[in-house]
N, C-alpha and C. Protein backbone atom coordinates (compact mmCIF):
# COMPACT_ATOMS: atom_id res chain seq x y z
N MET A 1 -75.60 6.23 -82.04
CA MET A 1 -76.39 5.13 -81.50
C MET A 1 -77.66 5.90 -80.47
N LYS A 2 -79.09 5.18 -81.48
CA LYS A 2 -80.00 5.89 -80.70
C LYS A 2 -80.96 4.31 -80.87
N PHE A 3 -81.30 5.13 -79.28
CA PHE A 3 -82.57 3.74 -78.61
C PHE A 3 -83.76 4.46 -78.64
N GLU A 4 -84.57 2.70 -78.80
CA GLU A 4 -86.14 3.47 -78.64
C GLU A 4 -87.05 4.06 -77.84
N HIS A 5 -87.48 5.09 -78.31
CA HIS A 5 -88.19 5.95 -77.04
C HIS A 5 -89.36 4.85 -76.05
N LYS A 6 -89.50 5.38 -74.62
CA LYS A 6 -90.75 5.00 -73.78
C LYS A 6 -91.90 4.37 -74.46
N ASN A 7 -92.18 5.03 -75.07
CA ASN A 7 -93.50 4.55 -76.27
C ASN A 7 -93.42 3.95 -77.36
N GLN A 8 -92.41 3.41 -77.21
CA GLN A 8 -91.96 2.48 -78.82
C GLN A 8 -92.03 1.59 -78.17
N PRO A 9 -92.50 0.27 -78.97
CA PRO A 9 -92.24 -1.03 -78.63
C PRO A 9 -90.98 -1.46 -78.27
N LEU A 10 -90.72 -2.42 -77.39
CA LEU A 10 -89.21 -3.14 -77.20
C LEU A 10 -88.72 -3.30 -78.54
N ALA A 11 -86.97 -3.39 -78.76
CA ALA A 11 -86.82 -3.59 -79.76
C ALA A 11 -86.46 -5.38 -79.97
N SER A 12 -86.67 -6.15 -81.17
CA SER A 12 -86.60 -7.24 -81.63
C SER A 12 -85.24 -7.50 -81.18
N HIS A 13 -85.37 -8.89 -80.63
CA HIS A 13 -84.03 -9.60 -80.29
C HIS A 13 -82.53 -9.69 -81.16
N ALA A 14 -82.96 -9.48 -82.22
CA ALA A 14 -82.41 -9.34 -83.55
C ALA A 14 -81.39 -8.37 -83.38
N GLN A 15 -82.80 -6.66 -83.77
CA GLN A 15 -81.94 -5.64 -83.04
C GLN A 15 -80.90 -5.62 -81.75
N PHE A 16 -81.79 -6.27 -80.61
CA PHE A 16 -80.50 -6.23 -79.56
C PHE A 16 -79.81 -6.43 -79.43
N ARG A 17 -79.30 -8.08 -80.17
CA ARG A 17 -77.98 -8.80 -80.64
C ARG A 17 -76.98 -7.51 -81.09
N ARG A 18 -78.24 -6.94 -82.59
CA ARG A 18 -76.75 -5.77 -83.47
C ARG A 18 -76.47 -4.80 -82.37
N ARG A 19 -77.48 -4.39 -81.93
CA ARG A 19 -77.16 -3.29 -81.14
C ARG A 19 -76.06 -3.59 -79.85
N VAL A 20 -76.63 -4.47 -79.28
CA VAL A 20 -75.59 -4.78 -78.02
C VAL A 20 -73.65 -5.16 -78.68
N LEU A 21 -73.80 -6.09 -80.06
CA LEU A 21 -72.18 -5.71 -80.99
C LEU A 21 -71.58 -4.79 -81.53
N ARG A 22 -72.90 -3.70 -81.71
CA ARG A 22 -72.36 -2.43 -82.24
C ARG A 22 -71.91 -1.84 -80.81
N HIS A 23 -72.36 -1.86 -79.93
CA HIS A 23 -71.75 -1.38 -78.41
C HIS A 23 -70.36 -1.89 -77.68
N PHE A 24 -70.40 -2.99 -78.34
CA PHE A 24 -69.38 -3.99 -77.79
C PHE A 24 -68.09 -3.10 -78.62
N LEU A 25 -68.23 -3.42 -79.90
CA LEU A 25 -67.09 -2.79 -80.79
C LEU A 25 -67.15 -1.81 -80.34
N SER A 26 -67.39 -1.14 -80.13
CA SER A 26 -67.42 0.35 -79.90
C SER A 26 -66.10 0.77 -78.63
N GLY A 27 -67.00 -0.29 -77.64
CA GLY A 27 -66.12 0.51 -76.33
C GLY A 27 -64.32 -0.66 -76.89
N SER A 28 -64.51 -1.74 -77.52
CA SER A 28 -63.80 -2.67 -77.65
C SER A 28 -62.55 -1.54 -78.94
N VAL A 29 -62.75 -0.48 -79.31
CA VAL A 29 -61.55 0.29 -80.26
C VAL A 29 -61.64 1.61 -79.25
N LEU A 30 -62.38 1.29 -78.29
CA LEU A 30 -61.43 2.81 -77.14
C LEU A 30 -60.45 2.03 -75.97
N ILE A 31 -60.85 0.84 -75.88
CA ILE A 31 -60.13 0.36 -75.40
C ILE A 31 -58.85 -0.04 -75.82
N GLY A 32 -58.93 -0.61 -77.46
CA GLY A 32 -57.69 -0.66 -77.97
C GLY A 32 -56.93 0.37 -78.65
N PHE A 33 -57.45 1.74 -78.51
CA PHE A 33 -56.84 3.17 -78.59
C PHE A 33 -56.04 3.42 -77.88
N SER A 34 -56.52 3.23 -76.15
CA SER A 34 -56.15 3.47 -75.58
C SER A 34 -55.05 2.99 -74.68
N LEU A 35 -55.00 1.19 -75.51
CA LEU A 35 -53.64 0.48 -74.93
C LEU A 35 -52.54 0.77 -76.02
N ALA A 36 -52.82 1.08 -76.95
CA ALA A 36 -51.64 1.78 -78.12
C ALA A 36 -51.10 2.56 -77.68
N ILE A 37 -52.00 3.55 -77.23
CA ILE A 37 -50.94 4.95 -76.86
C ILE A 37 -50.25 4.45 -75.45
N GLY A 38 -50.90 4.03 -74.67
CA GLY A 38 -50.30 3.61 -73.04
C GLY A 38 -49.10 2.70 -73.79
N THR A 39 -49.16 1.65 -74.78
CA THR A 39 -47.90 1.02 -75.17
C THR A 39 -46.74 1.76 -75.51
N ILE A 40 -47.23 2.37 -76.36
CA ILE A 40 -46.23 3.73 -76.98
C ILE A 40 -45.68 4.51 -76.09
N GLY A 41 -46.38 5.43 -75.23
CA GLY A 41 -45.72 5.85 -74.38
C GLY A 41 -44.88 5.42 -73.45
N TYR A 42 -45.24 4.34 -73.22
CA TYR A 42 -44.33 3.19 -71.60
C TYR A 42 -43.06 2.82 -72.19
N CYS A 43 -43.32 2.30 -73.77
CA CYS A 43 -42.14 1.92 -74.18
C CYS A 43 -41.38 3.17 -74.30
N TYR A 44 -41.67 4.48 -75.13
CA TYR A 44 -40.89 5.67 -75.37
C TYR A 44 -40.74 6.31 -73.93
N PHE A 45 -41.20 6.22 -73.58
CA PHE A 45 -41.28 7.20 -71.96
C PHE A 45 -39.85 6.53 -71.29
N GLY A 46 -40.25 5.31 -71.35
CA GLY A 46 -40.28 4.46 -69.87
C GLY A 46 -38.89 3.83 -70.39
N GLN A 47 -38.83 4.09 -71.60
CA GLN A 47 -37.56 3.23 -72.25
C GLN A 47 -37.55 1.60 -72.12
N LEU A 48 -38.81 1.56 -72.05
CA LEU A 48 -38.72 -0.23 -72.11
C LEU A 48 -38.03 -0.55 -73.06
N SER A 49 -37.58 -2.12 -73.03
CA SER A 49 -36.88 -2.80 -74.09
C SER A 49 -38.08 -3.45 -74.84
N SER A 50 -39.13 -3.71 -74.30
CA SER A 50 -40.23 -4.92 -74.95
C SER A 50 -41.65 -4.38 -74.73
N VAL A 51 -41.88 -4.56 -76.98
CA VAL A 51 -43.47 -4.21 -76.40
C VAL A 51 -44.28 -4.33 -75.46
N VAL A 52 -43.78 -5.71 -75.14
CA VAL A 52 -44.41 -6.36 -74.45
C VAL A 52 -44.73 -5.89 -72.84
N ASP A 53 -43.53 -5.35 -72.59
CA ASP A 53 -43.39 -4.38 -71.08
C ASP A 53 -44.52 -3.11 -71.51
N GLY A 54 -44.13 -2.54 -72.12
CA GLY A 54 -45.00 -1.47 -72.77
C GLY A 54 -46.70 -1.78 -72.18
N PHE A 55 -46.94 -3.10 -73.26
CA PHE A 55 -48.16 -3.06 -73.20
C PHE A 55 -49.09 -3.69 -71.75
N TYR A 56 -47.82 -4.36 -70.91
CA TYR A 56 -48.29 -4.71 -69.72
C TYR A 56 -48.40 -3.68 -68.74
N ASN A 57 -47.52 -2.68 -68.60
CA ASN A 57 -47.55 -1.56 -67.94
C ASN A 57 -49.13 -0.53 -68.47
N ALA A 58 -49.68 -0.50 -69.78
CA ALA A 58 -50.21 -0.19 -70.05
C ALA A 58 -51.55 -0.67 -69.53
N SER A 59 -51.54 -1.95 -69.74
CA SER A 59 -53.20 -2.83 -69.27
C SER A 59 -53.64 -2.57 -67.78
N MET A 60 -52.30 -2.87 -67.31
CA MET A 60 -52.43 -2.31 -65.52
C MET A 60 -53.42 -1.26 -65.65
N ILE A 61 -52.63 -0.61 -65.71
CA ILE A 61 -52.78 1.37 -65.92
C ILE A 61 -54.40 1.63 -66.52
N LEU A 62 -54.60 0.91 -67.01
CA LEU A 62 -55.92 1.01 -67.67
C LEU A 62 -57.05 0.61 -66.75
N THR A 63 -56.70 -0.60 -66.40
CA THR A 63 -57.95 -1.35 -65.42
C THR A 63 -57.27 -0.82 -64.61
N GLY A 64 -57.16 -0.06 -64.17
CA GLY A 64 -56.94 0.56 -62.38
C GLY A 64 -55.71 -0.31 -61.33
N MET A 65 -54.83 -0.90 -62.29
CA MET A 65 -53.88 -1.90 -61.19
C MET A 65 -53.16 -1.23 -60.49
N GLY A 66 -52.54 -0.12 -61.33
CA GLY A 66 -51.03 -0.04 -61.10
C GLY A 66 -50.00 0.02 -61.64
N PRO A 67 -49.00 0.38 -61.50
CA PRO A 67 -47.98 0.31 -62.81
C PRO A 67 -47.05 -0.81 -62.37
N VAL A 68 -46.50 -1.22 -63.35
CA VAL A 68 -45.29 -2.62 -62.76
C VAL A 68 -44.09 -1.89 -63.16
N ASN A 69 -43.69 -1.30 -64.39
CA ASN A 69 -42.27 -0.58 -63.97
C ASN A 69 -42.18 0.69 -63.28
N PRO A 70 -40.94 1.20 -62.64
CA PRO A 70 -40.88 2.12 -61.93
C PRO A 70 -40.85 3.21 -63.42
N MET A 71 -40.78 4.29 -63.43
CA MET A 71 -40.98 5.70 -64.16
C MET A 71 -40.24 6.33 -63.85
N THR A 72 -38.66 6.32 -64.10
CA THR A 72 -37.34 7.29 -63.85
C THR A 72 -36.85 8.55 -64.12
N CYS A 73 -37.32 8.90 -65.25
CA CYS A 73 -37.48 10.55 -65.62
C CYS A 73 -38.56 10.81 -65.23
N PRO A 74 -37.83 12.52 -65.81
CA PRO A 74 -39.21 12.96 -65.77
C PRO A 74 -40.25 13.19 -66.73
N GLU A 75 -39.63 13.03 -67.82
CA GLU A 75 -40.98 13.05 -68.76
C GLU A 75 -41.36 11.94 -68.72
N GLY A 76 -41.20 10.55 -68.12
CA GLY A 76 -41.87 9.47 -67.74
C GLY A 76 -42.39 9.78 -67.20
N LYS A 77 -42.33 10.43 -65.65
CA LYS A 77 -43.70 10.64 -64.69
C LYS A 77 -44.77 11.40 -64.65
N ILE A 78 -44.38 12.75 -66.16
CA ILE A 78 -45.75 13.35 -66.49
C ILE A 78 -45.90 12.26 -67.30
N PHE A 79 -45.27 11.70 -68.42
CA PHE A 79 -46.77 10.69 -69.70
C PHE A 79 -47.32 10.01 -68.33
N ALA A 80 -46.46 8.90 -67.40
CA ALA A 80 -47.78 8.31 -66.82
C ALA A 80 -48.82 9.07 -65.83
N SER A 81 -48.71 9.50 -64.96
CA SER A 81 -49.73 10.83 -64.70
C SER A 81 -50.79 10.90 -65.61
N ILE A 82 -50.66 11.60 -66.27
CA ILE A 82 -51.66 11.67 -67.24
C ILE A 82 -52.44 10.87 -67.83
N TYR A 83 -51.39 9.47 -68.50
CA TYR A 83 -52.22 8.25 -69.15
C TYR A 83 -52.78 7.97 -67.94
N ALA A 84 -52.48 7.72 -66.66
CA ALA A 84 -53.02 7.60 -65.78
C ALA A 84 -54.91 8.00 -65.13
N LEU A 85 -54.72 9.13 -65.63
CA LEU A 85 -56.06 9.77 -65.46
C LEU A 85 -56.94 9.93 -66.63
N TYR A 86 -56.47 10.25 -67.73
CA TYR A 86 -57.00 9.29 -69.50
C TYR A 86 -57.37 7.98 -69.02
N SER A 87 -56.39 7.02 -68.12
CA SER A 87 -57.07 5.62 -68.49
C SER A 87 -58.30 5.54 -67.90
N GLY A 88 -58.72 6.15 -65.90
CA GLY A 88 -59.50 5.93 -65.46
C GLY A 88 -61.06 6.14 -65.88
N ILE A 89 -60.91 7.15 -67.03
CA ILE A 89 -61.97 8.30 -67.47
C ILE A 89 -62.09 6.97 -68.77
N ALA A 90 -61.36 6.66 -69.65
CA ALA A 90 -61.10 6.04 -70.88
C ALA A 90 -62.23 4.51 -70.42
N PHE A 91 -61.67 3.96 -69.49
CA PHE A 91 -61.85 2.70 -69.21
C PHE A 91 -63.95 2.34 -68.79
N LEU A 92 -63.79 3.56 -67.09
CA LEU A 92 -65.23 3.96 -67.25
C LEU A 92 -66.48 4.34 -68.44
N THR A 93 -65.34 4.80 -69.59
CA THR A 93 -65.94 5.11 -70.68
C THR A 93 -66.63 3.70 -71.39
N ALA A 94 -65.73 3.50 -71.53
CA ALA A 94 -65.67 1.92 -72.56
C ALA A 94 -66.90 1.08 -71.85
N VAL A 95 -66.79 1.05 -70.29
CA VAL A 95 -67.22 0.24 -69.56
C VAL A 95 -69.11 0.54 -70.18
N SER A 96 -69.00 2.12 -69.48
CA SER A 96 -70.84 2.51 -69.47
C SER A 96 -71.39 2.08 -71.30
N ILE A 97 -70.31 2.39 -72.41
CA ILE A 97 -70.76 2.43 -73.76
C ILE A 97 -71.27 0.35 -74.03
N VAL A 98 -70.94 -0.27 -73.58
CA VAL A 98 -70.94 -1.99 -73.15
C VAL A 98 -72.11 -1.95 -72.94
N VAL A 99 -71.69 -1.36 -71.17
CA VAL A 99 -73.63 -1.92 -70.75
C VAL A 99 -74.91 -0.73 -70.93
N ALA A 100 -75.12 -0.49 -71.53
CA ALA A 100 -75.86 1.02 -72.21
C ALA A 100 -77.24 0.30 -72.55
N PRO A 101 -76.69 -0.64 -73.39
CA PRO A 101 -78.17 -1.27 -74.24
C PRO A 101 -78.82 -1.60 -72.94
N VAL A 102 -78.35 -2.95 -72.56
CA VAL A 102 -78.70 -4.08 -72.04
C VAL A 102 -79.33 -2.90 -70.57
N LEU A 103 -78.99 -1.81 -70.03
CA LEU A 103 -79.42 -1.31 -69.38
C LEU A 103 -80.76 -0.33 -69.52
N HIS A 104 -80.48 0.40 -71.21
CA HIS A 104 -81.36 0.78 -71.50
C HIS A 104 -83.44 -0.55 -71.53
N ARG A 105 -82.72 -1.82 -72.03
CA ARG A 105 -83.61 -2.56 -72.39
C ARG A 105 -84.09 -2.50 -71.34
N LEU A 106 -83.47 -3.19 -70.16
CA LEU A 106 -84.12 -3.44 -69.14
C LEU A 106 -85.30 -2.28 -68.68
N LEU A 107 -84.52 -1.07 -68.71
CA LEU A 107 -85.30 0.01 -68.30
C LEU A 107 -86.59 -0.09 -69.25
N HIS A 108 -86.47 0.17 -70.00
CA HIS A 108 -87.66 -0.55 -71.44
C HIS A 108 -88.54 -1.16 -71.03
N ARG A 109 -88.34 -1.98 -70.47
CA ARG A 109 -88.95 -3.67 -70.06
C ARG A 109 -89.82 -3.13 -69.39
N LEU A 110 -89.57 -2.66 -68.22
CA LEU A 110 -89.93 -2.08 -66.95
C LEU A 110 -90.83 -1.06 -66.77
N HIS A 111 -90.60 -0.33 -68.08
CA HIS A 111 -91.45 1.12 -68.82
C HIS A 111 -91.83 2.00 -67.34
N LEU A 112 -90.62 2.74 -67.13
CA LEU A 112 -90.47 3.34 -65.68
C LEU A 112 -91.74 5.00 -66.31
N ASP A 113 -92.64 4.98 -65.59
CA ASP A 113 -93.13 6.01 -65.61
C ASP A 113 -92.69 7.35 -65.21
N ASP A 114 -92.67 8.30 -66.00
CA ASP A 114 -92.48 9.88 -65.89
C ASP A 114 -93.28 10.52 -65.16
N ASP A 115 -94.47 10.95 -65.49
CA ASP A 115 -95.80 11.43 -65.24
C ASP A 115 -95.65 11.23 -63.85
N SER A 116 -94.92 9.65 -63.09
CA SER A 116 -95.36 9.81 -61.31
C SER A 116 -94.88 10.75 -60.47
N PRO A 117 -95.84 11.05 -59.48
CA PRO A 117 -94.83 12.30 -59.09
C PRO A 117 -93.71 11.89 -58.24
N SER A 118 -93.38 13.10 -57.70
CA SER A 118 -91.06 13.00 -57.63
C SER A 118 -91.54 12.91 -55.85
N LEU A 119 -90.94 12.34 -55.50
CA LEU A 119 -90.78 12.36 -53.98
C LEU A 119 -89.99 13.78 -53.52
């Protein structure tokens, strides 16, 4: 996912829309993969009877809201801890992937000059 250099012209609106869509899809794949891992893990280790309950727990952890169903076995607690650590990184990465083309276009439009003296 390459962006244009500051000396190159600004990407057209069509190119920019395609870039935003590609980044959105990449972020969505990461979120979907993370939710699938969490749902499977919560159903297996948490002994939840419903996939919906596993998905609910996984989505709450992934977005930083916290667990819904408590884990009672040691394996479940270990999974929940590892998944929570992974989720924090995965969610921030997905947000960064989605926001990157918009921020790049803004900075490119402002044309920040690297040759200015540093403070």
